[in-house]
Amino acid sequence: MMPVDVPHLERNLVITASRNEPAHGAFDVLRTRLVQTLLEHNWKRVAITSPTRNCGKTFTAVNLAISLSRYEASRTVLLDLDMRNPSVAGVIGDTRPGKMGDFLRGKLSAEELLVTFDHNSLNIGASLAIGTNHVVEPYASELAHEPSTAASLERLMAEMDPDILLFDMPPALAFDDVIAFRKHFDGVLMVVSGGETRPDDMREVMRRMGEQTPLLGVVLNQAEGEDGSDYSYGD
């Protein structure tokens, strides 16, 4: 288990941890509506991405995961699949991040990869496990097609039995990783920036992923950059 470093989380604007920021409520709304949608369709795997860089997708993924952790009866796993620019470990303060590539290649078990938070005063639940990464994978999209990747994810589902599996993915227009991983997730949560994202960017993302890819929701980051804290949620 990993100790909870409250000042570190606050510096990284993990606002759902201490709930000191009013914007934490937007993540609780996102949590509730996402859970309802997944239950309605019997889905579990959610890719979190953005059209371009600096829209706040990793911040959204971590805050959503911590908000979900407060559902004690619901198990959540968050995997850092932005293997070109892994950053979840830095956000949560994991000083011993794992190797996502080794996990997907079957060289590392889910138990060896995943970390959980130790008992803490912030009520971050023990039902949350996070797979961090510190090794850049320049051939991440090719790795998505390897049989070992599908086998490793299926093994994780069988061993950990999560109710929700979140994938923090790279920006969809920057690389082809999201398209390559399409068969591994049920739907997409899109994070857009009020100061960065153009309507054409959104349309191009959905065109590339295809009409059959469910868009589970859109999170609007009304500030600029990964550390923005003014969020709203809509279908």
C-alpha atoms as a PDB file:
ATOM      1  CA  MET A   1       0.000   0.000   0.000  1.00  0.00           C
ATOM      2  CA  MET A   2       1.044   3.556  -0.718  1.00  0.00           C
ATOM      3  CA  PRO A   3       0.780   6.267   1.944  1.00  0.00           C
ATOM      4  CA  VAL A   4      -1.400   9.239   1.117  1.00  0.00           C
ATOM      5  CA  ASP A   5       0.642  12.427   0.769  1.00  0.00           C
ATOM      6  CA  VAL A   6      -2.028  15.089   1.278  1.00  0.00           C
ATOM      7  CA  PRO A   7       0.138  18.138   0.386  1.00  0.00           C
ATOM      8  CA  HIS A   8       1.300  16.368  -2.787  1.00  0.00           C
ATOM      9  CA  LEU A   9      -2.273  15.645  -3.864  1.00  0.00           C
ATOM     10  CA  GLU A  10      -3.244  19.243  -3.163  1.00  0.00           C
ATOM     11  CA  ARG A  11      -0.305  20.563  -5.194  1.00  0.00           C
ATOM     12  CA  ASN A  12      -1.415  18.375  -8.090  1.00  0.00           C
ATOM     13  CA  LEU A  13      -5.015  19.591  -7.708  1.00  0.00           C
ATOM     14  CA  VAL A  14      -6.493  16.207  -6.923  1.00  0.00           C
ATOM     15  CA  ILE A  15      -9.551  18.089  -5.775  1.00  0.00           C
ATOM     16  CA  THR A  16     -11.691  15.032  -5.085  1.00  0.00           C
ATOM     17  CA  ALA A  17      -9.292  13.913  -2.346  1.00  0.00           C
ATOM     18  CA  SER A  18      -9.748  16.678   0.231  1.00  0.00           C
ATOM     19  CA  ARG A  19     -12.839  18.186  -1.429  1.00  0.00           C
ATOM     20  CA  ASN A  20     -11.576  21.676  -0.604  1.00  0.00           C
ATOM     21  CA  GLU A  21     -12.316  22.937  -4.118  1.00  0.00           C
ATOM     22  CA  PRO A  22     -15.954  23.524  -5.140  1.00  0.00           C
ATOM     23  CA  ALA A  23     -15.250  21.865  -8.506  1.00  0.00           C
ATOM     24  CA  HIS A  24     -15.050  18.464  -6.806  1.00  0.00           C
ATOM     25  CA  GLY A  25     -18.821  18.313  -7.134  1.00  0.00           C
ATOM     26  CA  ALA A  26     -18.539  18.077 -10.910  1.00  0.00           C
ATOM     27  CA  PHE A  27     -16.557  14.860 -10.529  1.00  0.00           C
ATOM     28  CA  ASP A  28     -19.178  13.404  -8.201  1.00  0.00           C
ATOM     29  CA  VAL A  29     -21.815  14.135 -10.850  1.00  0.00           C
ATOM     30  CA  LEU A  30     -19.574  12.575 -13.497  1.00  0.00           C
ATOM     31  CA  ARG A  31     -19.048   9.533 -11.264  1.00  0.00           C
ATOM     32  CA  THR A  32     -22.750   8.965 -10.686  1.00  0.00           C
ATOM     33  CA  ARG A  33     -23.827   9.411 -14.289  1.00  0.00           C
ATOM     34  CA  LEU A  34     -20.984   7.289 -15.602  1.00  0.00           C
ATOM     35  CA  VAL A  35     -21.830   4.435 -13.228  1.00  0.00           C
ATOM     36  CA  GLN A  36     -25.474   4.593 -14.273  1.00  0.00           C
ATOM     37  CA  THR A  37     -24.576   4.485 -17.969  1.00  0.00           C
ATOM     38  CA  LEU A  38     -22.184   1.565 -17.537  1.00  0.00           C
ATOM     39  CA  LEU A  39     -24.737  -0.422 -15.533  1.00  0.00           C
ATOM     40  CA  GLU A  40     -27.431   0.178 -18.146  1.00  0.00           C
ATOM     41  CA  HIS A  41     -25.246  -1.322 -20.875  1.00  0.00           C
ATOM     42  CA  ASN A  42     -23.324  -3.865 -18.809  1.00  0.00           C
ATOM     43  CA  TRP A  43     -20.065  -2.103 -19.680  1.00  0.00           C
ATOM     44  CA  LYS A  44     -16.943  -1.845 -17.522  1.00  0.00           C
ATOM     45  CA  ARG A  45     -14.012  -0.489 -19.538  1.00  0.00           C
ATOM     46  CA  VAL A  46     -13.712   3.260 -20.141  1.00  0.00           C
ATOM     47  CA  ALA A  47     -11.043   5.078 -22.152  1.00  0.00           C
ATOM     48  CA  ILE A  48     -10.367   8.646 -21.032  1.00  0.00           C
ATOM     49  CA  THR A  49      -8.797  10.779 -23.728  1.00  0.00           C
ATOM     50  CA  SER A  50      -8.769  14.247 -25.256  1.00  0.00           C
ATOM     51  CA  PRO A  51      -8.449  15.488 -28.826  1.00  0.00           C
ATOM     52  CA  THR A  52      -5.119  17.226 -28.201  1.00  0.00           C
ATOM     53  CA  ARG A  53      -2.593  17.823 -25.444  1.00  0.00           C
ATOM     54  CA  ASN A  54      -3.168  20.025 -22.381  1.00  0.00           C
ATOM     55  CA  CYS A  55      -6.893  19.393 -22.012  1.00  0.00           C
ATOM     56  CA  GLY A  56      -6.727  17.878 -18.509  1.00  0.00           C
ATOM     57  CA  LYS A  57      -7.381  14.192 -19.233  1.00  0.00           C
ATOM     58  CA  THR A  58      -4.971  12.734 -16.638  1.00  0.00           C
ATOM     59  CA  PHE A  59      -6.244  15.101 -13.978  1.00  0.00           C
ATOM     60  CA  THR A  60      -9.776  14.026 -14.885  1.00  0.00           C
ATOM     61  CA  ALA A  61      -8.854  10.332 -14.770  1.00  0.00           C
ATOM     62  CA  VAL A  62      -7.272  10.556 -11.297  1.00  0.00           C
ATOM     63  CA  ASN A  63     -10.003  12.710  -9.796  1.00  0.00           C
ATOM     64  CA  LEU A  64     -12.715  10.472 -11.221  1.00  0.00           C
ATOM     65  CA  ALA A  65     -10.977   7.349  -9.905  1.00  0.00           C
ATOM     66  CA  ILE A  66     -10.718   8.794  -6.394  1.00  0.00           C
ATOM     67  CA  SER A  67     -14.336   9.893  -6.490  1.00  0.00           C
ATOM     68  CA  LEU A  68     -15.322   6.354  -7.530  1.00  0.00           C
ATOM     69  CA  SER A  69     -13.249   4.913  -4.668  1.00  0.00           C
ATOM     70  CA  ARG A  70     -15.844   6.219  -2.220  1.00  0.00           C
ATOM     71  CA  TYR A  71     -18.314   3.670  -3.557  1.00  0.00           C
ATOM     72  CA  GLU A  72     -17.156   0.959  -1.172  1.00  0.00           C
ATOM     73  CA  ALA A  73     -19.117  -1.778  -2.915  1.00  0.00           C
ATOM     74  CA  SER A  74     -17.675  -0.868  -6.313  1.00  0.00           C
ATOM     75  CA  ARG A  75     -14.111  -1.792  -7.286  1.00  0.00           C
ATOM     76  CA  THR A  76     -12.248   0.603  -9.592  1.00  0.00           C
ATOM     77  CA  VAL A  77      -8.949   0.130 -11.421  1.00  0.00           C
ATOM     78  CA  LEU A  78      -7.136   2.977 -13.200  1.00  0.00           C
ATOM     79  CA  LEU A  79      -4.358   2.127 -15.667  1.00  0.00           C
ATOM     80  CA  ASP A  80      -1.900   4.676 -17.052  1.00  0.00           C
ATOM     81  CA  LEU A  81      -2.018   3.707 -20.728  1.00  0.00           C
ATOM     82  CA  ASP A  82      -0.568   7.018 -21.907  1.00  0.00           C
ATOM     83  CA  MET A  83       2.659   5.135 -22.412  1.00  0.00           C
ATOM     84  CA  ARG A  84       4.213   7.909 -24.504  1.00  0.00           C
ATOM     85  CA  ASN A  85       3.956  10.354 -21.616  1.00  0.00           C
ATOM     86  CA  PRO A  86       3.136   8.474 -18.383  1.00  0.00           C
ATOM     87  CA  SER A  87       2.089  10.902 -15.656  1.00  0.00           C
ATOM     88  CA  VAL A  88      -0.369   9.255 -13.254  1.00  0.00           C
ATOM     89  CA  ALA A  89       2.448   8.254 -10.868  1.00  0.00           C
ATOM     90  CA  GLY A  90       3.565  11.865 -10.578  1.00  0.00           C
ATOM     91  CA  VAL A  91       0.036  13.086  -9.894  1.00  0.00           C
ATOM     92  CA  ILE A  92      -0.683  10.626  -7.083  1.00  0.00           C
ATOM     93  CA  GLY A  93       2.842  10.629  -5.634  1.00  0.00           C
ATOM     94  CA  ASP A  94       3.810   7.048  -6.436  1.00  0.00           C
ATOM     95  CA  THR A  95       7.580   6.981  -5.926  1.00  0.00           C
ATOM     96  CA  ARG A  96       7.913   3.402  -7.183  1.00  0.00           C
ATOM     97  CA  PRO A  97       5.887   3.330 -10.407  1.00  0.00           C
ATOM     98  CA  GLY A  98       5.476   0.124 -12.335  1.00  0.00           C
ATOM     99  CA  LYS A  99       6.154  -0.890 -15.925  1.00  0.00           C
ATOM    100  CA  MET A 100       2.956  -0.946 -17.938  1.00  0.00           C
ATOM    101  CA  GLY A 101       4.670  -2.428 -20.971  1.00  0.00           C
ATOM    102  CA  ASP A 102       5.877  -5.408 -18.949  1.00  0.00           C
ATOM    103  CA  PHE A 103       2.365  -5.932 -17.603  1.00  0.00           C
ATOM    104  CA  LEU A 104       0.829  -5.889 -21.081  1.00  0.00           C
ATOM    105  CA  ARG A 105       3.493  -8.276 -22.340  1.00  0.00           C
ATOM    106  CA  GLY A 106       2.610 -10.711 -19.562  1.00  0.00           C
ATOM    107  CA  LYS A 107       5.908 -10.283 -17.713  1.00  0.00           C
ATOM    108  CA  LEU A 108       4.282  -8.636 -14.700  1.00  0.00           C
ATOM    109  CA  SER A 109       1.119  -9.678 -12.856  1.00  0.00           C
ATOM    110  CA  ALA A 110      -1.702  -7.307 -11.994  1.00  0.00           C
ATOM    111  CA  GLU A 111      -0.880  -7.737  -8.317  1.00  0.00           C
ATOM    112  CA  GLU A 112       2.718  -6.658  -8.969  1.00  0.00           C
ATOM    113  CA  LEU A 113       1.641  -3.652 -11.034  1.00  0.00           C
ATOM    114  CA  LEU A 114      -1.225  -2.200  -9.033  1.00  0.00           C
ATOM    115  CA  VAL A 115      -0.944   0.035  -5.980  1.00  0.00           C
ATOM    116  CA  THR A 116      -3.585   0.981  -3.433  1.00  0.00           C
ATOM    117  CA  PHE A 117      -3.737   3.818  -0.948  1.00  0.00           C
ATOM    118  CA  ASP A 118      -3.060   3.093   2.712  1.00  0.00           C
ATOM    119  CA  HIS A 119      -5.667   3.967   5.335  1.00  0.00           C
ATOM    120  CA  ASN A 120      -6.110   7.727   5.240  1.00  0.00           C
ATOM    121  CA  SER A 121      -8.114  10.620   6.661  1.00  0.00           C
ATOM    122  CA  LEU A 122      -9.380  11.679   3.228  1.00  0.00           C
ATOM    123  CA  ASN A 123     -11.669   8.669   2.833  1.00  0.00           C
ATOM    124  CA  ILE A 124      -9.947   7.531  -0.355  1.00  0.00           C
ATOM    125  CA  GLY A 125     -11.330   4.033  -0.534  1.00  0.00           C
ATOM    126  CA  ALA A 126      -9.420   0.767  -0.508  1.00  0.00           C
ATOM    127  CA  SER A 127     -11.565  -0.346  -3.455  1.00  0.00           C
ATOM    128  CA  LEU A 128      -9.352   1.689  -5.825  1.00  0.00           C
ATOM    129  CA  ALA A 129      -6.220   0.205  -7.416  1.00  0.00           C
ATOM    130  CA  ILE A 130      -3.963   2.146  -9.785  1.00  0.00           C
ATOM    131  CA  GLY A 131      -1.482   0.855 -12.331  1.00  0.00           C
ATOM    132  CA  THR A 132       1.244   3.450 -12.826  1.00  0.00           C
ATOM    133  CA  ASN A 133       4.115   3.504 -15.282  1.00  0.00           C
ATOM    134  CA  HIS A 134       7.515   5.136 -15.704  1.00  0.00           C
ATOM    135  CA  VAL A 135       8.799   3.532 -18.914  1.00  0.00           C
ATOM    136  CA  VAL A 136       8.039   5.242 -22.229  1.00  0.00           C
ATOM    137  CA  GLU A 137       6.813   2.833 -24.916  1.00  0.00           C
ATOM    138  CA  PRO A 138       7.453   4.338 -28.369  1.00  0.00           C
ATOM    139  CA  TYR A 139       5.569   1.429 -29.995  1.00  0.00           C
ATOM    140  CA  ALA A 140       2.509   1.603 -27.763  1.00  0.00           C
ATOM    141  CA  SER A 141      -0.018   1.239 -30.572  1.00  0.00           C
ATOM    142  CA  GLU A 142       1.709  -1.892 -31.871  1.00  0.00           C
ATOM    143  CA  LEU A 143       1.654  -3.289 -28.333  1.00  0.00           C
ATOM    144  CA  ALA A 144      -2.118  -2.839 -28.289  1.00  0.00           C
ATOM    145  CA  HIS A 145      -2.428  -5.454 -31.053  1.00  0.00           C
ATOM    146  CA  GLU A 146      -0.277  -8.052 -29.339  1.00  0.00           C
ATOM    147  CA  PRO A 147      -2.175 -11.125 -28.057  1.00  0.00           C
ATOM    148  CA  SER A 148      -0.413 -10.699 -24.716  1.00  0.00           C
ATOM    149  CA  THR A 149      -2.162  -7.345 -24.192  1.00  0.00           C
ATOM    150  CA  ALA A 150      -5.630  -8.827 -24.528  1.00  0.00           C
ATOM    151  CA  ALA A 151      -4.612 -11.762 -22.333  1.00  0.00           C
ATOM    152  CA  SER A 152      -3.152  -9.506 -19.629  1.00  0.00           C
ATOM    153  CA  LEU A 153      -6.250  -7.308 -19.491  1.00  0.00           C
ATOM    154  CA  GLU A 154      -8.543 -10.333 -19.357  1.00  0.00           C
ATOM    155  CA  ARG A 155      -6.432 -11.790 -16.568  1.00  0.00           C
ATOM    156  CA  LEU A 156      -6.685  -8.516 -14.655  1.00  0.00           C
ATOM    157  CA  MET A 157     -10.473  -8.570 -15.035  1.00  0.00           C
ATOM    158  CA  ALA A 158     -10.620 -12.153 -13.778  1.00  0.00           C
ATOM    159  CA  GLU A 159      -8.238 -11.672 -10.842  1.00  0.00           C
ATOM    160  CA  MET A 160      -9.275  -8.196  -9.650  1.00  0.00           C
ATOM    161  CA  ASP A 161     -12.930  -8.344 -10.777  1.00  0.00           C
ATOM    162  CA  PRO A 162     -13.249  -4.542 -11.088  1.00  0.00           C
ATOM    163  CA  ASP A 163     -16.641  -2.976 -11.605  1.00  0.00           C
ATOM    164  CA  ILE A 164     -14.990  -0.170 -13.579  1.00  0.00           C
ATOM    165  CA  LEU A 165     -11.671  -0.207 -15.431  1.00  0.00           C
ATOM    166  CA  LEU A 166     -10.415   3.255 -16.445  1.00  0.00           C
ATOM    167  CA  PHE A 167      -7.741   3.755 -19.107  1.00  0.00           C
ATOM    168  CA  ASP A 168      -5.862   7.053 -19.131  1.00  0.00           C
ATOM    169  CA  MET A 169      -5.038   7.217 -22.844  1.00  0.00           C
ATOM    170  CA  PRO A 170      -2.903   9.599 -24.936  1.00  0.00           C
ATOM    171  CA  PRO A 171      -4.514  12.491 -26.859  1.00  0.00           C
ATOM    172  CA  ALA A 172      -6.485  10.897 -29.682  1.00  0.00           C
ATOM    173  CA  LEU A 173      -5.248  13.174 -32.468  1.00  0.00           C
ATOM    174  CA  ALA A 174      -1.602  13.051 -31.426  1.00  0.00           C
ATOM    175  CA  PHE A 175      -1.130   9.278 -31.833  1.00  0.00           C
ATOM    176  CA  ASP A 176      -3.060   6.222 -32.997  1.00  0.00           C
ATOM    177  CA  ASP A 177      -3.003   4.536 -29.576  1.00  0.00           C
ATOM    178  CA  VAL A 178      -6.687   5.175 -28.814  1.00  0.00           C
ATOM    179  CA  ILE A 179      -7.716   3.646 -32.135  1.00  0.00           C
ATOM    180  CA  ALA A 180      -5.356   0.725 -31.608  1.00  0.00           C
ATOM    181  CA  PHE A 181      -6.803   0.024 -28.151  1.00  0.00           C
ATOM    182  CA  ARG A 182     -10.413   0.349 -29.350  1.00  0.00           C
ATOM    183  CA  LYS A 183     -11.188  -3.372 -28.964  1.00  0.00           C
ATOM    184  CA  HIS A 184     -10.128  -3.224 -25.313  1.00  0.00           C
ATOM    185  CA  PHE A 185     -12.665  -0.640 -24.086  1.00  0.00           C
ATOM    186  CA  ASP A 186     -16.439  -0.223 -24.163  1.00  0.00           C
ATOM    187  CA  GLY A 187     -16.718   3.532 -24.528  1.00  0.00           C
ATOM    188  CA  VAL A 188     -14.914   6.871 -24.401  1.00  0.00           C
ATOM    189  CA  LEU A 189     -14.980   9.756 -21.977  1.00  0.00           C
ATOM    190  CA  MET A 190     -13.755  12.847 -23.797  1.00  0.00           C
ATOM    191  CA  VAL A 191     -11.992  15.714 -22.018  1.00  0.00           C
ATOM    192  CA  VAL A 192     -11.986  19.002 -23.901  1.00  0.00           C
ATOM    193  CA  SER A 193     -10.506  22.385 -23.085  1.00  0.00           C
ATOM    194  CA  GLY A 194     -12.532  25.547 -23.339  1.00  0.00           C
ATOM    195  CA  GLY A 195      -9.441  27.403 -24.460  1.00  0.00           C
ATOM    196  CA  GLU A 196      -7.873  24.759 -26.704  1.00  0.00           C
ATOM    197  CA  THR A 197     -10.358  22.366 -28.296  1.00  0.00           C
ATOM    198  CA  ARG A 198     -12.028  23.208 -31.594  1.00  0.00           C
ATOM    199  CA  PRO A 199     -15.300  21.594 -32.734  1.00  0.00           C
ATOM    200  CA  ASP A 200     -13.426  20.168 -35.723  1.00  0.00           C
ATOM    201  CA  ASP A 201     -11.073  18.373 -33.315  1.00  0.00           C
ATOM    202  CA  MET A 202     -13.979  16.586 -31.638  1.00  0.00           C
ATOM    203  CA  ARG A 203     -15.497  15.575 -34.946  1.00  0.00           C
ATOM    204  CA  GLU A 204     -12.171  14.246 -36.183  1.00  0.00           C
ATOM    205  CA  VAL A 205     -11.677  12.147 -33.036  1.00  0.00           C
ATOM    206  CA  MET A 206     -15.076  10.511 -33.423  1.00  0.00           C
ATOM    207  CA  ARG A 207     -14.529  10.015 -37.158  1.00  0.00           C
ATOM    208  CA  ARG A 208     -11.278   8.164 -36.481  1.00  0.00           C
ATOM    209  CA  MET A 209     -12.798   5.955 -33.803  1.00  0.00           C
ATOM    210  CA  GLY A 210     -15.876   5.175 -35.863  1.00  0.00           C
ATOM    211  CA  GLU A 211     -19.603   5.538 -35.357  1.00  0.00           C
ATOM    212  CA  GLN A 212     -19.769   2.322 -33.324  1.00  0.00           C
ATOM    213  CA  THR A 213     -17.633   3.767 -30.505  1.00  0.00           C
ATOM    214  CA  PRO A 214     -19.929   4.998 -27.699  1.00  0.00           C
ATOM    215  CA  LEU A 215     -19.190   8.493 -26.423  1.00  0.00           C
ATOM    216  CA  LEU A 216     -20.021   8.201 -22.715  1.00  0.00           C
ATOM    217  CA  GLY A 217     -19.716  11.889 -21.970  1.00  0.00           C
ATOM    218  CA  VAL A 218     -17.751  15.085 -22.434  1.00  0.00           C
ATOM    219  CA  VAL A 219     -15.857  16.793 -19.611  1.00  0.00           C
ATOM    220  CA  LEU A 220     -15.277  20.487 -20.245  1.00  0.00           C
ATOM    221  CA  ASN A 221     -12.170  21.926 -18.671  1.00  0.00           C
ATOM    222  CA  GLN A 222     -12.868  25.628 -18.743  1.00  0.00           C
ATOM    223  CA  ALA A 223      -9.351  26.510 -17.622  1.00  0.00           C
ATOM    224  CA  GLU A 224      -6.229  25.872 -19.668  1.00  0.00           C
ATOM    225  CA  GLY A 225      -3.723  23.104 -19.094  1.00  0.00           C
ATOM    226  CA  GLU A 226      -3.569  19.831 -17.196  1.00  0.00           C
ATOM    227  CA  ASP A 227      -3.875  21.627 -13.863  1.00  0.00           C
ATOM    228  CA  GLY A 228      -7.156  23.382 -14.578  1.00  0.00           C
ATOM    229  CA  SER A 229      -9.778  22.931 -11.898  1.00  0.00           C
ATOM    230  CA  ASP A 230     -12.936  24.439 -13.408  1.00  0.00           C
ATOM    231  CA  TYR A 231     -14.839  21.463 -14.754  1.00  0.00           C
ATOM    232  CA  SER A 232     -18.317  20.689 -15.963  1.00  0.00           C
ATOM    233  CA  TYR A 233     -19.864  17.539 -17.363  1.00  0.00           C
ATOM    234  CA  GLY A 234     -22.387  16.881 -20.079  1.00  0.00           C
ATOM    235  CA  ASP A 235     -23.631  14.144 -22.384  1.00  0.00           C
END
